Amino acid sequence: QPLQETFRRNDSLCRLVEDPGFIQSLPHFRFIQQSLLTFVPADSPPE
């Protein structure tokens, strides 16, 4: 049975998490970035 709750978007929170500076400042960002880069061929152009 579906819940009767409604979703309310938090615009302040959405703007925060869409900010590249915020994402890069997260402690795990560099680890994830380096992990993903291991799957990119060395001769691939950067995006």
Protein backbone atom coordinates (compact mmCIF):
# COMPACT_ATOMS: atom_id res chain seq x y z
CA GLN A 1 0.00 0.00 0.00
CA PRO A 2 1.52 3.38 -1.01
CA LEU A 3 2.41 5.88 1.66
CA GLN A 4 0.52 9.13 1.81
CA GLU A 5 3.70 11.20 2.21
CA THR A 6 4.63 13.89 -0.27
CA PHE A 7 8.13 14.78 -1.37
CA ARG A 8 9.21 18.37 -0.88
CA ARG A 9 12.37 19.33 -2.69
CA ASN A 10 14.85 21.25 -0.56
CA ASP A 11 16.28 23.80 -3.00
CA SER A 12 19.08 24.85 -0.64
CA LEU A 13 20.25 21.27 -0.26
CA CYS A 14 19.99 20.64 -4.01
CA ARG A 15 22.12 23.70 -4.79
CA LEU A 16 24.70 22.57 -2.24
CA VAL A 17 25.13 19.06 -3.61
CA GLU A 18 25.22 20.33 -7.21
CA ASP A 19 28.18 22.60 -6.38
CA PRO A 20 31.41 20.98 -7.68
CA GLY A 21 33.38 22.61 -4.85
CA PHE A 22 31.20 20.89 -2.27
CA ILE A 23 31.52 17.50 -3.95
CA GLN A 24 35.31 17.82 -4.25
CA SER A 25 35.63 18.76 -0.58
CA LEU A 26 34.02 15.52 0.58
CA PRO A 27 36.64 13.27 2.23
CA HIS A 28 35.98 10.30 -0.06
CA PHE A 29 35.92 12.27 -3.35
CA ARG A 30 39.61 11.82 -4.22
CA PHE A 31 39.48 8.09 -3.45
CA ILE A 32 36.46 7.59 -5.72
CA GLN A 33 37.98 9.79 -8.43
CA GLN A 34 41.24 7.83 -8.39
CA SER A 35 39.38 4.54 -8.37
CA LEU A 36 37.35 5.54 -11.42
CA LEU A 37 40.44 6.78 -13.24
CA THR A 38 41.95 3.30 -13.06
CA PHE A 39 39.33 2.22 -15.60
CA VAL A 40 40.14 5.00 -18.09
CA PRO A 41 42.75 4.18 -20.73
CA ALA A 42 45.87 6.35 -20.41
CA ASP A 43 45.45 7.75 -23.93
CA SER A 44 41.86 8.95 -23.37
CA PRO A 45 41.38 12.72 -23.58
CA PRO A 46 40.14 14.33 -20.36
CA GLU A 47 36.52 15.47 -20.27
